[in-house]
Amino acid sequence: MGILVMNVYAFAYLLAAYYNPMVMGGTDALNAGTWFFTHQLFDQKFLSIFAMLYGAGIVMMMNRADERGMEFAPIFYRRSA
C-alpha cells in the first residue's frame, strides 16, 4: 500500500509533480502539506523497504540456483564459446 501512495502523484499528474508539488499549482497549504507528509512518510521509508525486498529476492534466487547446482546469471548473459 505504501508504494501505491507513493505513485498517486505519478498517476494523477505529470512526473515533475512527484518531485515538486508547485508544478501543478499546489501552492496552498493543504496541497503542499499533503505532499510533504506523503514524501516524508512514504517516499523516504517505503522506497528503501522496496529496495531491500528487491535485493532480498535476488539473494534468494541466487541461493536457490546454488542449491540446484545452477549458475545464477542474468537472462541476457551469454557465455562465449
N, C-alpha and C. Protein backbone atom coordinates (compact mmCIF):
# COMPACT_ATOMS: atom_id res chain seq x y z
N MET A 1 0.83 -1.20 0.00
CA MET A 1 0.00 0.00 0.00
C MET A 1 0.87 1.26 0.00
N GLY A 2 2.03 1.16 0.61
CA GLY A 2 2.91 2.32 0.64
C GLY A 2 3.40 2.71 -0.74
N ILE A 3 3.68 1.73 -1.59
CA ILE A 3 4.11 2.01 -2.95
C ILE A 3 2.96 2.66 -3.73
N LEU A 4 1.73 2.25 -3.48
CA LEU A 4 0.59 2.88 -4.14
C LEU A 4 0.48 4.34 -3.76
N VAL A 5 0.62 4.64 -2.48
CA VAL A 5 0.56 6.04 -2.04
C VAL A 5 1.69 6.85 -2.68
N MET A 6 2.84 6.24 -2.83
CA MET A 6 3.96 6.93 -3.48
C MET A 6 3.63 7.27 -4.93
N ASN A 7 2.92 6.40 -5.61
CA ASN A 7 2.67 6.59 -7.04
C ASN A 7 1.41 7.38 -7.36
N VAL A 8 0.63 7.80 -6.38
CA VAL A 8 -0.59 8.54 -6.64
C VAL A 8 -0.28 9.82 -7.42
N TYR A 9 0.77 10.52 -7.07
CA TYR A 9 1.12 11.74 -7.78
C TYR A 9 1.51 11.43 -9.23
N ALA A 10 2.22 10.36 -9.45
CA ALA A 10 2.62 9.99 -10.80
C ALA A 10 1.42 9.57 -11.64
N PHE A 11 0.42 8.95 -11.01
CA PHE A 11 -0.78 8.54 -11.75
C PHE A 11 -1.64 9.74 -12.11
N ALA A 12 -1.73 10.71 -11.21
CA ALA A 12 -2.66 11.82 -11.39
C ALA A 12 -2.07 13.02 -12.13
N TYR A 13 -0.79 13.26 -11.97
CA TYR A 13 -0.18 14.47 -12.52
C TYR A 13 1.01 14.12 -13.40
N LEU A 14 1.67 15.16 -13.85
CA LEU A 14 2.92 14.98 -14.57
C LEU A 14 3.97 14.41 -13.62
N LEU A 15 4.98 13.78 -14.17
CA LEU A 15 6.03 13.19 -13.33
C LEU A 15 6.75 14.26 -12.51
N ALA A 16 6.83 15.47 -13.04
CA ALA A 16 7.51 16.55 -12.32
C ALA A 16 6.81 16.87 -11.00
N ALA A 17 5.49 16.65 -10.92
CA ALA A 17 4.76 16.91 -9.68
C ALA A 17 5.12 15.92 -8.59
N TYR A 18 5.68 14.79 -8.97
CA TYR A 18 6.13 13.81 -7.98
C TYR A 18 7.26 14.39 -7.13
N TYR A 19 8.09 15.21 -7.76
CA TYR A 19 9.23 15.80 -7.07
C TYR A 19 8.97 17.21 -6.57
N ASN A 20 8.05 17.92 -7.20
CA ASN A 20 7.77 19.30 -6.84
C ASN A 20 6.27 19.56 -6.97
N PRO A 21 5.55 19.74 -5.85
CA PRO A 21 4.09 19.91 -5.93
C PRO A 21 3.68 21.25 -6.53
N MET A 22 4.60 22.20 -6.61
CA MET A 22 4.26 23.51 -7.15
C MET A 22 4.09 23.49 -8.67
N VAL A 23 4.50 22.42 -9.33
CA VAL A 23 4.40 22.32 -10.78
C VAL A 23 2.94 22.36 -11.24
N MET A 24 2.08 21.68 -10.53
CA MET A 24 0.67 21.60 -10.92
C MET A 24 -0.21 22.58 -10.15
N GLY A 25 0.36 23.63 -9.62
CA GLY A 25 -0.42 24.65 -8.93
C GLY A 25 -0.77 24.32 -7.50
N GLY A 26 -0.01 23.47 -6.86
CA GLY A 26 -0.29 23.11 -5.49
C GLY A 26 0.34 24.08 -4.51
N THR A 27 -0.05 25.35 -4.62
CA THR A 27 0.59 26.37 -3.79
C THR A 27 -0.11 26.60 -2.47
N ASP A 28 -1.32 26.09 -2.28
CA ASP A 28 -1.97 26.32 -0.99
C ASP A 28 -1.39 25.39 0.07
N ALA A 29 -1.64 25.69 1.30
CA ALA A 29 -1.01 24.99 2.42
C ALA A 29 -1.43 23.51 2.49
N LEU A 30 -2.68 23.23 2.16
CA LEU A 30 -3.16 21.84 2.24
C LEU A 30 -2.45 20.95 1.22
N ASN A 31 -2.33 21.42 -0.02
CA ASN A 31 -1.65 20.61 -1.04
C ASN A 31 -0.17 20.43 -0.72
N ALA A 32 0.48 21.51 -0.34
CA ALA A 32 1.90 21.42 0.00
C ALA A 32 2.12 20.54 1.23
N GLY A 33 1.24 20.66 2.22
CA GLY A 33 1.34 19.84 3.43
C GLY A 33 1.13 18.37 3.15
N THR A 34 0.15 18.07 2.29
CA THR A 34 -0.10 16.67 1.92
C THR A 34 1.08 16.09 1.18
N TRP A 35 1.63 16.86 0.24
CA TRP A 35 2.80 16.38 -0.49
C TRP A 35 3.97 16.15 0.46
N PHE A 36 4.22 17.09 1.38
CA PHE A 36 5.33 16.95 2.32
C PHE A 36 5.13 15.73 3.21
N PHE A 37 3.90 15.54 3.70
CA PHE A 37 3.60 14.39 4.57
C PHE A 37 3.84 13.08 3.84
N THR A 38 3.31 12.95 2.62
CA THR A 38 3.50 11.70 1.89
C THR A 38 4.95 11.51 1.48
N HIS A 39 5.63 12.60 1.17
CA HIS A 39 7.04 12.49 0.79
C HIS A 39 7.88 12.00 1.97
N GLN A 40 7.65 12.55 3.14
CA GLN A 40 8.43 12.16 4.31
C GLN A 40 8.05 10.78 4.83
N LEU A 41 6.76 10.50 4.88
CA LEU A 41 6.32 9.24 5.49
C LEU A 41 6.43 8.06 4.53
N PHE A 42 6.08 8.26 3.29
CA PHE A 42 6.03 7.13 2.37
C PHE A 42 7.27 7.03 1.48
N ASP A 43 7.60 8.12 0.79
CA ASP A 43 8.74 8.04 -0.14
C ASP A 43 10.03 7.68 0.56
N GLN A 44 10.30 8.28 1.66
CA GLN A 44 11.56 8.06 2.34
C GLN A 44 11.64 6.69 2.99
N LYS A 45 10.52 6.13 3.38
CA LYS A 45 10.53 4.86 4.10
C LYS A 45 10.25 3.67 3.18
N PHE A 46 9.17 3.76 2.41
CA PHE A 46 8.75 2.61 1.63
C PHE A 46 9.66 2.36 0.43
N LEU A 47 10.28 3.40 -0.11
CA LEU A 47 11.20 3.17 -1.21
C LEU A 47 12.41 2.37 -0.75
N SER A 48 12.90 2.67 0.45
CA SER A 48 14.03 1.89 0.97
C SER A 48 13.61 0.46 1.31
N ILE A 49 12.41 0.28 1.84
CA ILE A 49 11.91 -1.07 2.12
C ILE A 49 11.73 -1.84 0.82
N PHE A 50 11.20 -1.18 -0.21
CA PHE A 50 11.02 -1.81 -1.50
C PHE A 50 12.37 -2.24 -2.09
N ALA A 51 13.38 -1.40 -1.96
CA ALA A 51 14.71 -1.73 -2.48
C ALA A 51 15.31 -2.91 -1.72
N MET A 52 15.12 -2.95 -0.40
CA MET A 52 15.65 -4.08 0.38
C MET A 52 14.94 -5.38 0.01
N LEU A 53 13.63 -5.33 -0.20
CA LEU A 53 12.90 -6.54 -0.60
C LEU A 53 13.33 -7.01 -1.98
N TYR A 54 13.60 -6.08 -2.87
CA TYR A 54 14.08 -6.44 -4.20
C TYR A 54 15.44 -7.14 -4.08
N GLY A 55 16.32 -6.58 -3.28
CA GLY A 55 17.63 -7.19 -3.08
C GLY A 55 17.53 -8.56 -2.42
N ALA A 56 16.61 -8.69 -1.46
CA ALA A 56 16.42 -9.99 -0.80
C ALA A 56 15.92 -11.03 -1.79
N GLY A 57 15.08 -10.62 -2.72
CA GLY A 57 14.61 -11.54 -3.74
C GLY A 57 15.74 -12.03 -4.64
N ILE A 58 16.65 -11.12 -4.99
CA ILE A 58 17.80 -11.51 -5.80
C ILE A 58 18.67 -12.50 -5.04
N VAL A 59 18.90 -12.25 -3.75
CA VAL A 59 19.71 -13.17 -2.94
C VAL A 59 19.03 -14.54 -2.85
N MET A 60 17.72 -14.56 -2.69
CA MET A 60 17.00 -15.83 -2.63
C MET A 60 17.13 -16.59 -3.94
N MET A 61 17.04 -15.89 -5.07
CA MET A 61 17.21 -16.56 -6.36
C MET A 61 18.62 -17.10 -6.52
N MET A 62 19.61 -16.36 -6.05
CA MET A 62 20.99 -16.85 -6.12
C MET A 62 21.16 -18.10 -5.28
N ASN A 63 20.60 -18.10 -4.07
CA ASN A 63 20.71 -19.26 -3.19
C ASN A 63 20.02 -20.49 -3.78
N ARG A 64 18.85 -20.30 -4.37
CA ARG A 64 18.13 -21.43 -4.98
C ARG A 64 18.91 -21.99 -6.17
N ALA A 65 19.49 -21.10 -6.96
CA ALA A 65 20.29 -21.57 -8.09
C ALA A 65 21.52 -22.33 -7.60
N ASP A 66 22.12 -21.86 -6.52
CA ASP A 66 23.29 -22.53 -5.95
C ASP A 66 22.91 -23.91 -5.40
N GLU A 67 21.75 -24.01 -4.73
CA GLU A 67 21.30 -25.30 -4.20
C GLU A 67 21.05 -26.31 -5.31
N ARG A 68 20.58 -25.84 -6.45
CA ARG A 68 20.30 -26.72 -7.58
C ARG A 68 21.53 -27.00 -8.44
N GLY A 69 22.62 -26.35 -8.09
CA GLY A 69 23.84 -26.55 -8.85
C GLY A 69 23.86 -25.80 -10.17
N MET A 70 23.02 -24.79 -10.28
CA MET A 70 22.95 -23.99 -11.50
C MET A 70 23.73 -22.70 -11.32
N GLU A 71 24.11 -22.13 -12.44
CA GLU A 71 24.81 -20.85 -12.39
C GLU A 71 23.78 -19.73 -12.43
N PHE A 72 23.91 -18.78 -11.52
CA PHE A 72 23.00 -17.64 -11.49
C PHE A 72 23.57 -16.54 -12.35
N ALA A 73 22.87 -16.19 -13.39
CA ALA A 73 23.32 -15.14 -14.30
C ALA A 73 22.09 -14.44 -14.87
N PRO A 74 22.22 -13.19 -15.26
CA PRO A 74 21.09 -12.51 -15.90
C PRO A 74 20.66 -13.22 -17.18
N ILE A 75 19.46 -12.98 -17.59
CA ILE A 75 18.92 -13.62 -18.79
C ILE A 75 19.70 -13.22 -20.02
N PHE A 76 20.13 -11.98 -20.09
CA PHE A 76 20.82 -11.50 -21.27
C PHE A 76 22.29 -11.91 -21.31
N TYR A 77 22.74 -12.60 -20.28
CA TYR A 77 24.15 -13.01 -20.21
C TYR A 77 24.34 -14.26 -21.06
N ARG A 78 25.30 -14.23 -21.95
CA ARG A 78 25.62 -15.40 -22.74
C ARG A 78 27.10 -15.67 -22.65
N ARG A 79 27.41 -16.89 -22.42
CA ARG A 79 28.81 -17.30 -22.34
C ARG A 79 29.41 -17.41 -23.72
N SER A 80 30.58 -16.87 -23.88
CA SER A 80 31.23 -17.02 -25.18
C SER A 80 31.83 -18.42 -25.27
N ALA A 81 31.76 -18.98 -26.44
CA ALA A 81 32.22 -20.37 -26.64
C ALA A 81 33.70 -20.51 -26.69
